[in-house]
N, C-alpha and C. Protein backbone atom coordinates (compact mmCIF):
# COMPACT_ATOMS: atom_id res chain seq x y z
N MET A 1 167.11 16.37 180.61
CA MET A 1 167.26 16.99 179.50
C MET A 1 167.37 16.21 178.09
N TYR A 2 168.27 15.24 178.48
CA TYR A 2 168.90 14.42 177.34
C TYR A 2 168.11 13.00 177.04
N GLY A 3 167.00 13.08 177.95
CA GLY A 3 166.37 12.30 177.48
C GLY A 3 166.79 10.71 178.55
N THR A 4 166.15 9.44 177.99
CA THR A 4 166.87 8.31 178.73
C THR A 4 167.81 7.23 177.71
N GLY A 5 168.20 8.11 176.53
CA GLY A 5 169.36 7.07 175.72
C GLY A 5 170.44 7.13 176.39
N THR A 6 171.12 5.70 175.97
CA THR A 6 172.27 5.21 176.48
C THR A 6 173.23 5.10 175.39
N GLU A 7 173.17 5.97 173.91
CA GLU A 7 173.85 5.96 173.26
C GLU A 7 175.36 6.51 173.31
N PRO A 8 176.34 6.29 173.31
CA PRO A 8 177.81 6.98 173.72
C PRO A 8 177.85 8.46 173.75
N ALA A 9 177.40 8.97 172.66
CA ALA A 9 176.83 10.52 172.58
C ALA A 9 176.51 10.89 173.42
N THR A 10 175.20 10.50 173.89
CA THR A 10 174.59 10.98 174.84
C THR A 10 174.80 10.92 176.24
N LEU A 11 175.50 9.53 176.30
CA LEU A 11 175.96 9.60 177.70
C LEU A 11 177.23 10.64 177.93
N ALA A 12 177.74 10.63 176.71
CA ALA A 12 178.88 11.62 177.05
C ALA A 12 178.43 13.26 177.22
N ARG A 13 177.40 13.47 176.66
CA ARG A 13 176.63 14.84 176.94
C ARG A 13 176.25 14.89 178.54
N LYS A 14 175.90 13.51 178.87
CA LYS A 14 175.25 13.73 180.27
C LYS A 14 176.18 13.96 180.86
N THR A 15 177.50 13.12 180.87
CA THR A 15 178.45 13.43 181.96
C THR A 15 179.05 14.82 182.01
N ALA A 16 179.29 15.55 180.39
CA ALA A 16 179.79 16.67 180.64
C ALA A 16 179.09 17.44 181.25
N THR A 17 177.80 17.73 181.33
CA THR A 17 176.77 18.16 181.51
C THR A 17 176.90 17.86 183.10
N ASP A 18 176.70 16.93 183.72
CA ASP A 18 176.76 16.54 185.21
C ASP A 18 178.27 17.39 185.87
N TYR A 19 179.28 16.96 184.89
CA TYR A 19 180.81 17.61 185.32
C TYR A 19 180.90 18.97 185.37
N SER A 20 180.44 19.65 184.56
CA SER A 20 180.48 21.16 184.51
C SER A 20 179.19 22.06 184.99
N VAL A 21 178.14 21.50 185.42
CA VAL A 21 177.36 22.15 186.10
C VAL A 21 176.55 22.20 187.10
N TRP A 22 176.77 20.55 187.73
CA TRP A 22 175.99 20.16 188.88
C TRP A 22 177.20 19.88 189.79
N ALA A 23 178.28 19.49 189.52
CA ALA A 23 179.41 19.10 190.24
C ALA A 23 179.72 20.47 191.03
N PRO A 24 180.29 21.31 190.08
CA PRO A 24 180.96 22.61 190.98
C PRO A 24 179.75 23.15 192.04
N PHE A 25 178.73 23.31 191.75
CA PHE A 25 178.13 23.85 192.63
C PHE A 25 177.66 22.85 193.75
N ALA A 26 177.37 21.82 193.54
CA ALA A 26 177.44 20.69 194.61
C ALA A 26 178.95 20.86 195.42
N ASN A 27 179.96 20.22 194.91
CA ASN A 27 181.17 20.34 195.53
C ASN A 27 181.54 21.77 196.34
N SER A 28 181.17 22.71 196.02
CA SER A 28 181.54 24.23 196.50
C SER A 28 180.46 24.26 197.58
N ALA A 29 179.34 23.91 197.60
CA ALA A 29 178.11 23.53 198.70
C ALA A 29 179.03 22.66 199.84
N TYR A 30 179.38 21.57 199.48
CA TYR A 30 180.26 21.04 200.11
C TYR A 30 181.12 21.44 201.23
N LEU A 31 182.42 21.83 200.14
CA LEU A 31 183.74 22.61 200.84
C LEU A 31 183.31 23.82 201.95
N LEU A 32 181.98 24.49 201.43
CA LEU A 32 181.50 25.53 201.89
C LEU A 32 180.78 25.37 203.69
N GLY A 33 180.14 24.17 203.09
CA GLY A 33 179.02 23.70 204.44
C GLY A 33 179.70 22.84 205.38
N VAL A 34 180.84 21.97 205.25
CA VAL A 34 181.26 21.14 205.86
C VAL A 34 181.81 21.92 207.12
N PRO A 35 182.56 23.14 206.65
CA PRO A 35 183.28 23.85 208.02
C PRO A 35 182.51 24.42 208.88
N LEU A 36 181.35 24.88 207.80
CA LEU A 36 180.32 25.67 208.76
C LEU A 36 179.39 25.32 209.96
N LEU A 37 179.39 23.93 209.05
CA LEU A 37 178.34 22.84 210.20
C LEU A 37 179.61 22.19 211.28
N THR A 38 180.71 22.15 211.30
CA THR A 38 181.41 21.68 212.23
C THR A 38 182.42 22.69 213.27
N GLY A 39 181.35 24.08 212.92
CA GLY A 39 181.66 25.04 213.93
C GLY A 39 182.62 26.04 213.73
N HIS A 40 183.22 26.07 212.19
CA HIS A 40 184.66 26.94 212.17
C HIS A 40 183.45 28.08 211.51
N ASP A 41 184.55 29.26 211.45
CA ASP A 41 183.79 30.52 210.86
C ASP A 41 183.67 30.41 209.24
N VAL A 42 183.14 31.48 209.26
CA VAL A 42 183.12 31.45 207.31
C VAL A 42 184.38 32.04 206.58
N ALA A 43 185.50 32.57 207.23
CA ALA A 43 186.79 32.27 206.66
C ALA A 43 187.52 31.30 206.25
N ALA A 44 187.27 30.46 207.33
CA ALA A 44 187.62 28.77 207.45
C ALA A 44 187.14 28.21 206.19
N ALA A 45 185.87 28.28 206.00
CA ALA A 45 184.98 27.70 205.30
C ALA A 45 185.17 28.19 203.76
N LEU A 46 185.60 29.61 203.44
CA LEU A 46 186.29 30.11 202.27
C LEU A 46 187.35 29.86 201.77
N SER A 47 188.53 29.14 202.87
CA SER A 47 189.63 28.95 203.02
C SER A 47 189.40 27.51 202.36
N THR A 48 188.62 26.93 202.84
CA THR A 48 188.56 25.40 202.25
C THR A 48 188.02 25.64 200.98
N LEU A 49 187.30 26.13 200.58
CA LEU A 49 187.02 26.37 199.29
C LEU A 49 187.95 26.75 198.31
N GLN A 50 188.73 27.51 198.90
CA GLN A 50 189.77 28.18 197.74
C GLN A 50 190.59 26.97 197.69
N SER A 51 191.12 26.37 198.63
CA SER A 51 192.34 25.28 198.85
C SER A 51 191.73 23.91 197.98
N GLY A 52 190.67 23.63 198.45
CA GLY A 52 190.09 22.27 198.12
C GLY A 52 189.44 22.32 196.85
N PHE A 53 188.98 23.30 195.80
CA PHE A 53 187.75 23.04 194.70
C PHE A 53 188.61 22.36 193.75
N LEU A 54 189.84 22.97 193.45
CA LEU A 54 190.40 21.75 192.29
C LEU A 54 190.48 20.39 192.50
N SER A 55 191.20 20.21 193.85
CA SER A 55 191.52 18.90 194.10
C SER A 55 189.88 17.76 194.16
N VAL A 56 189.01 18.76 194.95
CA VAL A 56 187.75 17.98 194.48
C VAL A 56 186.84 17.93 193.50
N MET A 57 187.13 18.80 192.38
CA MET A 57 186.92 18.51 191.01
C MET A 57 187.58 17.41 190.27
N LEU A 58 188.83 17.28 190.58
CA LEU A 58 189.68 16.34 190.15
C LEU A 58 189.26 15.05 190.60
N MET A 59 188.90 14.81 191.55
CA MET A 59 188.54 13.56 192.37
C MET A 59 187.05 13.18 191.77
N GLU A 60 186.39 14.10 191.57
CA GLU A 60 184.98 14.25 190.94
C GLU A 60 184.95 13.46 189.53
N LEU A 61 186.05 14.00 188.71
CA LEU A 61 186.29 13.58 187.32
C LEU A 61 186.82 12.25 187.43
N CYS A 62 187.76 11.71 188.24
CA CYS A 62 188.59 10.89 188.27
C CYS A 62 187.27 9.34 188.56
N ILE A 63 186.66 9.82 189.34
CA ILE A 63 185.39 8.90 189.96
C ILE A 63 184.33 8.67 189.58
N PHE A 64 183.64 9.95 189.26
CA PHE A 64 182.10 9.87 188.46
C PHE A 64 182.25 9.78 187.37
N ALA A 65 182.96 10.62 186.37
CA ALA A 65 183.03 10.52 184.95
C ALA A 65 183.15 9.00 184.55
N PRO A 66 184.00 8.62 184.51
CA PRO A 66 183.84 7.01 183.94
C PRO A 66 182.92 6.43 184.47
N TYR A 67 182.33 6.31 186.03
CA TYR A 67 181.14 5.63 186.08
C TYR A 67 179.93 6.30 185.43
N ASN A 68 179.70 7.38 185.23
CA ASN A 68 178.76 7.55 184.16
C ASN A 68 178.73 7.68 182.87
N LEU A 69 180.01 7.22 182.51
CA LEU A 69 180.14 6.83 181.01
C LEU A 69 179.85 5.50 180.89
N PHE A 70 180.21 4.71 181.67
CA PHE A 70 179.89 3.09 181.43
C PHE A 70 178.74 2.46 182.32
N ALA A 71 178.42 2.96 183.23
CA ALA A 71 177.34 2.52 184.34
C ALA A 71 175.93 1.78 183.44
N PHE A 72 175.77 2.53 182.43
CA PHE A 72 174.23 1.98 181.72
C PHE A 72 174.62 1.35 180.67
N ASN A 73 176.10 0.82 180.61
CA ASN A 73 175.95 0.05 179.21
C ASN A 73 176.89 -1.07 180.11
N SER A 74 177.47 -1.16 181.15
CA SER A 74 178.44 -2.06 181.56
C SER A 74 177.72 -2.54 182.83
N ILE A 75 176.81 -1.93 183.85
CA ILE A 75 176.66 -2.59 185.18
C ILE A 75 175.05 -2.84 184.99
N PRO A 76 174.43 -3.76 185.39
CA PRO A 76 173.66 -4.07 185.20
C PRO A 76 172.56 -3.49 185.95
N ALA A 77 171.46 -3.04 185.65
CA ALA A 77 170.34 -2.17 186.62
C ALA A 77 170.49 -2.60 187.80
N PRO A 78 170.32 -3.84 188.70
CA PRO A 78 170.10 -3.91 190.00
C PRO A 78 171.18 -3.84 190.60
N LEU A 79 172.37 -3.50 190.06
CA LEU A 79 173.54 -3.16 190.44
C LEU A 79 174.27 -1.68 190.40
N ARG A 80 173.54 -1.14 189.45
CA ARG A 80 173.34 0.14 189.75
C ARG A 80 173.64 1.08 191.19
N PRO A 81 172.59 0.93 191.83
CA PRO A 81 172.55 1.67 193.20
C PRO A 81 173.62 1.31 193.96
N PRO A 82 173.99 0.00 194.25
CA PRO A 82 175.19 -0.13 194.96
C PRO A 82 176.54 0.44 194.60
N ALA A 83 176.40 0.05 193.42
CA ALA A 83 177.64 0.77 192.61
C ALA A 83 178.14 2.11 192.82
N GLY A 84 177.20 2.98 192.69
CA GLY A 84 176.82 4.28 193.26
C GLY A 84 177.12 4.39 194.43
N ALA A 85 176.65 3.85 195.29
CA ALA A 85 176.62 3.78 196.72
C ALA A 85 178.04 3.93 197.35
N LEU A 86 178.88 2.99 196.42
CA LEU A 86 180.50 2.71 196.60
C LEU A 86 180.84 3.75 196.34
N LEU A 87 180.99 4.13 195.37
CA LEU A 87 181.58 5.31 194.49
C LEU A 87 181.38 6.55 195.53
N SER A 88 180.26 6.77 196.00
CA SER A 88 180.07 8.11 196.59
C SER A 88 180.80 7.57 198.23
N THR A 89 180.63 6.68 198.46
CA THR A 89 181.44 6.29 199.70
C THR A 89 183.00 6.29 199.75
N LEU A 90 183.63 6.10 198.47
CA LEU A 90 184.75 6.76 197.93
C LEU A 90 185.29 7.88 198.04
N PHE A 91 184.33 8.77 197.60
CA PHE A 91 184.39 10.37 197.08
C PHE A 91 184.37 10.85 198.47
N THR A 92 183.62 10.38 199.44
CA THR A 92 183.20 11.40 200.88
C THR A 92 184.59 11.16 201.59
N ILE A 93 185.12 9.93 201.49
CA ILE A 93 186.66 9.56 202.35
C ILE A 93 187.54 10.39 201.51
N GLY A 94 187.63 10.66 200.61
CA GLY A 94 188.25 11.49 199.73
C GLY A 94 188.18 13.29 200.10
N PHE A 95 187.00 13.24 200.29
CA PHE A 95 186.72 14.59 200.36
C PHE A 95 186.99 15.12 201.87
N GLY A 96 186.64 14.11 202.65
CA GLY A 96 187.22 14.30 204.42
C GLY A 96 188.69 14.67 204.70
N PHE A 97 189.59 13.78 203.40
CA PHE A 97 191.11 13.96 203.64
C PHE A 97 191.34 15.49 203.11
N ILE A 98 190.68 16.04 201.96
CA ILE A 98 190.74 17.07 201.24
C ILE A 98 190.54 18.59 202.33
N SER A 99 189.27 18.39 202.76
CA SER A 99 188.40 19.14 203.75
C SER A 99 189.34 19.24 204.83
N TYR A 100 190.10 18.29 205.47
CA TYR A 100 190.73 18.44 206.82
C TYR A 100 191.91 18.74 206.10
N GLY A 101 192.49 18.38 205.60
CA GLY A 101 193.98 18.69 205.20
C GLY A 101 194.21 20.00 204.88
N SER A 102 193.09 20.67 204.69
CA SER A 102 193.57 22.21 204.43
C SER A 102 193.00 22.99 205.82
N GLY A 103 193.30 22.36 206.77
CA GLY A 103 193.13 23.07 208.17
C GLY A 103 192.12 22.94 208.81
N CYS A 104 190.63 22.81 208.28
CA CYS A 104 189.58 22.39 209.06
C CYS A 104 189.47 21.32 209.89
């Protein structure tokens, strides 16, 4: 939507869009899906969503927003996939603590 530009204003718009549009959708799906896929009922999944959403969004903001803002200017192209994978791993570990810490 914003093209391939790497100017600071473009990166800020891309990061803000990612955080305000994609992240709430994806994180809600994860918070609902993980309990359901591990054998819990809908009530447990909704409880996990309610208790974990703000924590997951804060974690998203702390991990991926800085990466999105600086990766295209600071990380060489061949290192971006491994850097993104490392951050995704950290996010998944944190997500697990948030999900299972809420009772699921």
